[in-house]
């Protein structure tokens, strides 16, 4: 999954940490359903932000939450 996006191995932990933070918030707010599989849309948002140069996991999660809510939350 991440390899297909051209990411380096060292960023896998960053993506996983930011995803865990963002997904937890979005699930609690009702914007994401409770599922075992990762939401590809949220992963894509996080990967986009990393490609733009964001590497702080908390800022990354917060920006991903905002972008996800604007694009996908009803």
PDB file of N, CA and C in Angstrom:
ATOM      1  N   UNK A   1       0.832  -1.192   0.000  1.00  0.00           N
ATOM      2  CA  UNK A   1       0.000   0.000   0.000  1.00  0.00           C
ATOM      3  C   UNK A   1       0.873   1.251   0.000  1.00  0.00           C
ATOM      4  N   UNK A   2       1.714   1.420   1.015  1.00  0.00           N
ATOM      5  CA  UNK A   2       2.544   2.620   1.067  1.00  0.00           C
ATOM      6  C   UNK A   2       3.651   2.581   0.029  1.00  0.00           C
ATOM      7  N   UNK A   3       4.127   1.389  -0.274  1.00  0.00           N
ATOM      8  CA  UNK A   3       5.184   1.257  -1.269  1.00  0.00           C
ATOM      9  C   UNK A   3       4.694   1.740  -2.625  1.00  0.00           C
ATOM     10  N   UNK A   4       3.438   1.476  -2.938  1.00  0.00           N
ATOM     11  CA  UNK A   4       2.863   1.899  -4.213  1.00  0.00           C
ATOM     12  C   UNK A   4       2.837   3.407  -4.356  1.00  0.00           C
ATOM     13  N   UNK A   5       2.843   4.120  -3.273  1.00  0.00           N
ATOM     14  CA  UNK A   5       2.798   5.574  -3.313  1.00  0.00           C
ATOM     15  C   UNK A   5       4.185   6.193  -3.364  1.00  0.00           C
ATOM     16  N   UNK A   6       5.226   5.362  -3.457  1.00  0.00           N
ATOM     17  CA  UNK A   6       6.579   5.870  -3.574  1.00  0.00           C
ATOM     18  C   UNK A   6       7.152   6.391  -2.269  1.00  0.00           C
ATOM     19  N   UNK A   7       6.663   5.903  -1.140  1.00  0.00           N
ATOM     20  CA  UNK A   7       7.148   6.396   0.146  1.00  0.00           C
ATOM     21  C   UNK A   7       8.385   5.632   0.585  1.00  0.00           C
ATOM     22  N   UNK A   8       9.206   6.278   1.359  1.00  0.00           N
ATOM     23  CA  UNK A   8      10.360   5.622   1.936  1.00  0.00           C
ATOM     24  C   UNK A   8       9.923   4.841   3.160  1.00  0.00           C
ATOM     25  N   UNK A   9      10.669   3.782   3.479  1.00  0.00           N
ATOM     26  CA  UNK A   9      10.319   2.922   4.600  1.00  0.00           C
ATOM     27  C   UNK A   9      10.301   3.690   5.913  1.00  0.00           C
ATOM     28  N   UNK A  10      11.169   4.676   6.082  1.00  0.00           N
ATOM     29  CA  UNK A  10      11.224   5.400   7.349  1.00  0.00           C
ATOM     30  C   UNK A  10       9.955   6.194   7.626  1.00  0.00           C
ATOM     31  N   UNK A  11       9.131   6.445   6.639  1.00  0.00           N
ATOM     32  CA  UNK A  11       7.903   7.205   6.838  1.00  0.00           C
ATOM     33  C   UNK A  11       6.709   6.334   7.213  1.00  0.00           C
ATOM     34  N   UNK A  12       6.866   5.020   7.194  1.00  0.00           N
ATOM     35  CA  UNK A  12       5.755   4.132   7.506  1.00  0.00           C
ATOM     36  C   UNK A  12       5.285   4.357   8.941  1.00  0.00           C
ATOM     37  N   UNK A  13       6.203   4.491   9.869  1.00  0.00           N
ATOM     38  CA  UNK A  13       5.828   4.724  11.259  1.00  0.00           C
ATOM     39  C   UNK A  13       5.134   6.069  11.418  1.00  0.00           C
ATOM     40  N   UNK A  14       5.595   7.079  10.716  1.00  0.00           N
ATOM     41  CA  UNK A  14       4.970   8.397  10.762  1.00  0.00           C
ATOM     42  C   UNK A  14       3.539   8.326  10.253  1.00  0.00           C
ATOM     43  N   UNK A  15       3.333   7.659   9.128  1.00  0.00           N
ATOM     44  CA  UNK A  15       1.986   7.513   8.571  1.00  0.00           C
ATOM     45  C   UNK A  15       1.103   6.748   9.548  1.00  0.00           C
ATOM     46  N   UNK A  16       1.625   5.671  10.114  1.00  0.00           N
ATOM     47  CA  UNK A  16       0.843   4.857  11.050  1.00  0.00           C
ATOM     48  C   UNK A  16       0.457   5.651  12.297  1.00  0.00           C
ATOM     49  N   UNK A  17       1.396   6.412  12.842  1.00  0.00           N
ATOM     50  CA  UNK A  17       1.104   7.210  14.039  1.00  0.00           C
ATOM     51  C   UNK A  17       0.071   8.294  13.746  1.00  0.00           C
ATOM     52  N   UNK A  18       0.267   9.022  12.651  1.00  0.00           N
ATOM     53  CA  UNK A  18      -0.670  10.090  12.290  1.00  0.00           C
ATOM     54  C   UNK A  18      -2.044   9.507  11.971  1.00  0.00           C
ATOM     55  N   UNK A  19      -2.068   8.369  11.304  1.00  0.00           N
ATOM     56  CA  UNK A  19      -3.341   7.724  10.982  1.00  0.00           C
ATOM     57  C   UNK A  19      -4.064   7.315  12.257  1.00  0.00           C
ATOM     58  N   UNK A  20      -3.351   6.725  13.199  1.00  0.00           N
ATOM     59  CA  UNK A  20      -3.969   6.280  14.452  1.00  0.00           C
ATOM     60  C   UNK A  20      -4.613   7.452  15.194  1.00  0.00           C
ATOM     61  N   UNK A  21      -3.916   8.562  15.253  1.00  0.00           N
ATOM     62  CA  UNK A  21      -4.445   9.749  15.939  1.00  0.00           C
ATOM     63  C   UNK A  21      -5.682  10.280  15.211  1.00  0.00           C
ATOM     64  N   UNK A  22      -5.546  10.466  13.896  1.00  0.00           N
ATOM     65  CA  UNK A  22      -6.641  11.042  13.115  1.00  0.00           C
ATOM     66  C   UNK A  22      -7.852  10.107  13.072  1.00  0.00           C
ATOM     67  N   UNK A  23      -7.620   8.817  12.847  1.00  0.00           N
ATOM     68  CA  UNK A  23      -8.722   7.866  12.748  1.00  0.00           C
ATOM     69  C   UNK A  23      -9.458   7.744  14.078  1.00  0.00           C
ATOM     70  N   UNK A  24      -8.723   7.760  15.177  1.00  0.00           N
ATOM     71  CA  UNK A  24      -9.360   7.682  16.486  1.00  0.00           C
ATOM     72  C   UNK A  24     -10.315   8.869  16.678  1.00  0.00           C
ATOM     73  N   UNK A  25      -9.842  10.059  16.373  1.00  0.00           N
ATOM     74  CA  UNK A  25     -10.692  11.243  16.504  1.00  0.00           C
ATOM     75  C   UNK A  25     -11.907  11.149  15.573  1.00  0.00           C
ATOM     76  N   UNK A  26     -11.669  10.788  14.319  1.00  0.00           N
ATOM     77  CA  UNK A  26     -12.755  10.746  13.344  1.00  0.00           C
ATOM     78  C   UNK A  26     -13.773   9.665  13.679  1.00  0.00           C
ATOM     79  N   UNK A  27     -13.330   8.558  14.243  1.00  0.00           N
ATOM     80  CA  UNK A  27     -14.277   7.516  14.671  1.00  0.00           C
ATOM     81  C   UNK A  27     -15.121   8.007  15.840  1.00  0.00           C
ATOM     82  N   UNK A  28     -14.472   8.659  16.800  1.00  0.00           N
ATOM     83  CA  UNK A  28     -15.215   9.170  17.956  1.00  0.00           C
ATOM     84  C   UNK A  28     -16.213  10.253  17.553  1.00  0.00           C
ATOM     85  N   UNK A  29     -15.876  11.017  16.525  1.00  0.00           N
ATOM     86  CA  UNK A  29     -16.786  12.072  16.070  1.00  0.00           C
ATOM     87  C   UNK A  29     -17.873  11.538  15.135  1.00  0.00           C
ATOM     88  N   UNK A  30     -17.747  10.290  14.709  1.00  0.00           N
ATOM     89  CA  UNK A  30     -18.740   9.695  13.823  1.00  0.00           C
ATOM     90  C   UNK A  30     -18.459   9.875  12.346  1.00  0.00           C
ATOM     91  N   UNK A  31     -17.344  10.495  12.003  1.00  0.00           N
ATOM     92  CA  UNK A  31     -17.011  10.728  10.598  1.00  0.00           C
ATOM     93  C   UNK A  31     -16.452   9.478   9.913  1.00  0.00           C
ATOM     94  N   UNK A  32     -15.940   8.539  10.697  1.00  0.00           N
ATOM     95  CA  UNK A  32     -15.423   7.274  10.167  1.00  0.00           C
ATOM     96  C   UNK A  32     -16.149   6.129  10.866  1.00  0.00           C
ATOM     97  N   UNK A  33     -16.508   5.097  10.127  1.00  0.00           N
ATOM     98  CA  UNK A  33     -17.136   3.942  10.771  1.00  0.00           C
ATOM     99  C   UNK A  33     -16.095   3.107  11.530  1.00  0.00           C
ATOM    100  N   UNK A  34     -16.575   2.323  12.475  1.00  0.00           N
ATOM    101  CA  UNK A  34     -15.710   1.411  13.219  1.00  0.00           C
ATOM    102  C   UNK A  34     -15.407   0.205  12.337  1.00  0.00           C
ATOM    103  N   UNK A  35     -14.233   0.184  11.722  1.00  0.00           N
ATOM    104  CA  UNK A  35     -13.817  -0.947  10.895  1.00  0.00           C
ATOM    105  C   UNK A  35     -12.391  -1.332  11.237  1.00  0.00           C
ATOM    106  N   UNK A  36     -12.019  -2.524  10.837  1.00  0.00           N
ATOM    107  CA  UNK A  36     -10.662  -3.003  11.081  1.00  0.00           C
ATOM    108  C   UNK A  36      -9.706  -2.473  10.015  1.00  0.00           C
ATOM    109  N   UNK A  37     -10.187  -2.374   8.793  1.00  0.00           N
ATOM    110  CA  UNK A  37      -9.326  -1.954   7.686  1.00  0.00           C
ATOM    111  C   UNK A  37      -9.137  -0.435   7.689  1.00  0.00           C
ATOM    112  N   UNK A  38      -7.953   0.008   7.304  1.00  0.00           N
ATOM    113  CA  UNK A  38      -7.702   1.454   7.237  1.00  0.00           C
ATOM    114  C   UNK A  38      -8.553   2.118   6.148  1.00  0.00           C
ATOM    115  N   UNK A  39      -8.920   3.329   6.374  1.00  0.00           N
ATOM    116  CA  UNK A  39      -9.669   4.104   5.394  1.00  0.00           C
ATOM    117  C   UNK A  39      -8.673   4.678   4.388  1.00  0.00           C
ATOM    118  N   UNK A  40      -8.786   4.243   3.151  1.00  0.00           N
ATOM    119  CA  UNK A  40      -7.835   4.659   2.110  1.00  0.00           C
ATOM    120  C   UNK A  40      -7.855   6.168   1.872  1.00  0.00           C
ATOM    121  N   UNK A  41      -9.024   6.780   2.034  1.00  0.00           N
ATOM    122  CA  UNK A  41      -9.112   8.231   1.812  1.00  0.00           C
ATOM    123  C   UNK A  41      -8.263   8.975   2.838  1.00  0.00           C
ATOM    124  N   UNK A  42      -8.318   8.543   4.090  1.00  0.00           N
ATOM    125  CA  UNK A  42      -7.530   9.186   5.139  1.00  0.00           C
ATOM    126  C   UNK A  42      -6.042   8.930   4.928  1.00  0.00           C
ATOM    127  N   UNK A  43      -5.689   7.721   4.530  1.00  0.00           N
ATOM    128  CA  UNK A  43      -4.280   7.416   4.233  1.00  0.00           C
ATOM    129  C   UNK A  43      -3.793   8.310   3.111  1.00  0.00           C
ATOM    130  N   UNK A  44      -4.600   8.478   2.078  1.00  0.00           N
ATOM    131  CA  UNK A  44      -4.209   9.335   0.949  1.00  0.00           C
ATOM    132  C   UNK A  44      -3.987  10.779   1.377  1.00  0.00           C
ATOM    133  N   UNK A  45      -4.846  11.285   2.258  1.00  0.00           N
ATOM    134  CA  UNK A  45      -4.686  12.658   2.760  1.00  0.00           C
ATOM    135  C   UNK A  45      -3.369  12.785   3.517  1.00  0.00           C
ATOM    136  N   UNK A  46      -3.061  11.822   4.364  1.00  0.00           N
ATOM    137  CA  UNK A  46      -1.817  11.860   5.144  1.00  0.00           C
ATOM    138  C   UNK A  46      -0.603  11.793   4.226  1.00  0.00           C
ATOM    139  N   UNK A  47      -0.655  10.931   3.228  1.00  0.00           N
ATOM    140  CA  UNK A  47       0.459  10.811   2.280  1.00  0.00           C
ATOM    141  C   UNK A  47       0.647  12.111   1.507  1.00  0.00           C
ATOM    142  N   UNK A  48      -0.443  12.744   1.095  1.00  0.00           N
ATOM    143  CA  UNK A  48      -0.351  14.035   0.402  1.00  0.00           C
ATOM    144  C   UNK A  48       0.364  15.064   1.270  1.00  0.00           C
ATOM    145  N   UNK A  49       0.000  15.112   2.534  1.00  0.00           N
ATOM    146  CA  UNK A  49       0.611  16.084   3.447  1.00  0.00           C
ATOM    147  C   UNK A  49       2.101  15.811   3.642  1.00  0.00           C
ATOM    148  N   UNK A  50       2.484  14.555   3.714  1.00  0.00           N
ATOM    149  CA  UNK A  50       3.906  14.220   3.838  1.00  0.00           C
ATOM    150  C   UNK A  50       4.653  14.647   2.589  1.00  0.00           C
ATOM    151  N   UNK A  51       4.059  14.421   1.443  1.00  0.00           N
ATOM    152  CA  UNK A  51       4.704  14.838   0.191  1.00  0.00           C
ATOM    153  C   UNK A  51       4.854  16.355   0.112  1.00  0.00           C
ATOM    154  N   UNK A  52       3.999  17.079   0.820  1.00  0.00           N
ATOM    155  CA  UNK A  52       4.102  18.547   0.879  1.00  0.00           C
ATOM    156  C   UNK A  52       5.113  19.015   1.918  1.00  0.00           C
ATOM    157  N   UNK A  53       5.661  18.060   2.695  1.00  0.00           N
ATOM    158  CA  UNK A  53       6.726  18.428   3.624  1.00  0.00           C
ATOM    159  C   UNK A  53       6.358  18.435   5.093  1.00  0.00           C
ATOM    160  N   UNK A  54       5.183  17.950   5.446  1.00  0.00           N
ATOM    161  CA  UNK A  54       4.792  17.905   6.861  1.00  0.00           C
ATOM    162  C   UNK A  54       5.284  16.599   7.480  1.00  0.00           C
ATOM    163  N   UNK A  55       6.087  16.702   8.541  1.00  0.00           N
ATOM    164  CA  UNK A  55       6.645  15.508   9.166  1.00  0.00           C
ATOM    165  C   UNK A  55       6.387  15.426  10.663  1.00  0.00           C
ATOM    166  N   UNK A  56       5.700  16.402  11.243  1.00  0.00           N
ATOM    167  CA  UNK A  56       5.341  16.346  12.652  1.00  0.00           C
ATOM    168  C   UNK A  56       4.024  15.581  12.760  1.00  0.00           C
ATOM    169  N   UNK A  57       4.024  14.461  13.513  1.00  0.00           N
ATOM    170  CA  UNK A  57       2.857  13.581  13.500  1.00  0.00           C
ATOM    171  C   UNK A  57       1.591  14.231  14.053  1.00  0.00           C
ATOM    172  N   UNK A  58       1.705  15.092  15.041  1.00  0.00           N
ATOM    173  CA  UNK A  58       0.508  15.746  15.571  1.00  0.00           C
ATOM    174  C   UNK A  58      -0.065  16.771  14.601  1.00  0.00           C
ATOM    175  N   UNK A  59       0.822  17.569  14.012  1.00  0.00           N
ATOM    176  CA  UNK A  59       0.361  18.534  13.003  1.00  0.00           C
ATOM    177  C   UNK A  59      -0.206  17.793  11.798  1.00  0.00           C
ATOM    178  N   UNK A  60       0.452  16.717  11.430  1.00  0.00           N
ATOM    179  CA  UNK A  60       0.006  15.897  10.306  1.00  0.00           C
ATOM    180  C   UNK A  60      -1.398  15.344  10.570  1.00  0.00           C
ATOM    181  N   UNK A  61      -1.616  14.808  11.763  1.00  0.00           N
ATOM    182  CA  UNK A  61      -2.931  14.269  12.122  1.00  0.00           C
ATOM    183  C   UNK A  61      -3.988  15.366  12.130  1.00  0.00           C
ATOM    184  N   UNK A  62      -3.673  16.509  12.714  1.00  0.00           N
ATOM    185  CA  UNK A  62      -4.647  17.607  12.780  1.00  0.00           C
ATOM    186  C   UNK A  62      -5.009  18.130  11.398  1.00  0.00           C
ATOM    187  N   UNK A  63      -4.020  18.288  10.544  1.00  0.00           N
ATOM    188  CA  UNK A  63      -4.301  18.747   9.173  1.00  0.00           C
ATOM    189  C   UNK A  63      -5.099  17.697   8.410  1.00  0.00           C
ATOM    190  N   UNK A  64      -4.762  16.431   8.615  1.00  0.00           N
ATOM    191  CA  UNK A  64      -5.488  15.352   7.938  1.00  0.00           C
ATOM    192  C   UNK A  64      -6.944  15.317   8.386  1.00  0.00           C
ATOM    193  N   UNK A  65      -7.183  15.515   9.673  1.00  0.00           N
ATOM    194  CA  UNK A  65      -8.550  15.558  10.193  1.00  0.00           C
ATOM    195  C   UNK A  65      -9.327  16.689   9.514  1.00  0.00           C
ATOM    196  N   UNK A  66      -8.733  17.875   9.462  1.00  0.00           N
ATOM    197  CA  UNK A  66      -9.408  19.023   8.846  1.00  0.00           C
ATOM    198  C   UNK A  66      -9.715  18.768   7.373  1.00  0.00           C
ATOM    199  N   UNK A  67      -8.722  18.279   6.651  1.00  0.00           N
ATOM    200  CA  UNK A  67      -8.915  18.024   5.234  1.00  0.00           C
ATOM    201  C   UNK A  67      -9.954  16.923   5.002  1.00  0.00           C
ATOM    202  N   UNK A  68      -9.905  15.869   5.811  1.00  0.00           N
ATOM    203  CA  UNK A  68     -10.855  14.774   5.676  1.00  0.00           C
ATOM    204  C   UNK A  68     -12.272  15.254   5.954  1.00  0.00           C
ATOM    205  N   UNK A  69     -12.441  16.020   7.019  1.00  0.00           N
ATOM    206  CA  UNK A  69     -13.778  16.528   7.352  1.00  0.00           C
ATOM    207  C   UNK A  69     -14.318  17.442   6.268  1.00  0.00           C
ATOM    208  N   UNK A  70     -13.475  18.276   5.698  1.00  0.00           N
ATOM    209  CA  UNK A  70     -13.936  19.170   4.627  1.00  0.00           C
ATOM    210  C   UNK A  70     -14.327  18.387   3.371  1.00  0.00           C
ATOM    211  N   UNK A  71     -13.581  17.327   3.072  1.00  0.00           N
ATOM    212  CA  UNK A  71     -13.808  16.599   1.841  1.00  0.00           C
ATOM    213  C   UNK A  71     -14.854  15.489   1.954  1.00  0.00           C
ATOM    214  N   UNK A  72     -14.923  14.821   3.105  1.00  0.00           N
ATOM    215  CA  UNK A  72     -15.741  13.592   3.164  1.00  0.00           C
ATOM    216  C   UNK A  72     -16.821  13.576   4.228  1.00  0.00           C
ATOM    217  N   UNK A  73     -16.700  14.373   5.259  1.00  0.00           N
ATOM    218  CA  UNK A  73     -17.696  14.306   6.329  1.00  0.00           C
ATOM    219  C   UNK A  73     -18.986  14.996   5.895  1.00  0.00           C
ATOM    220  N   UNK A  74     -20.079  14.426   6.288  1.00  0.00           N
ATOM    221  CA  UNK A  74     -21.370  14.982   5.876  1.00  0.00           C
ATOM    222  C   UNK A  74     -21.879  16.000   6.858  1.00  0.00           C
TER     223      UNK A  74
END
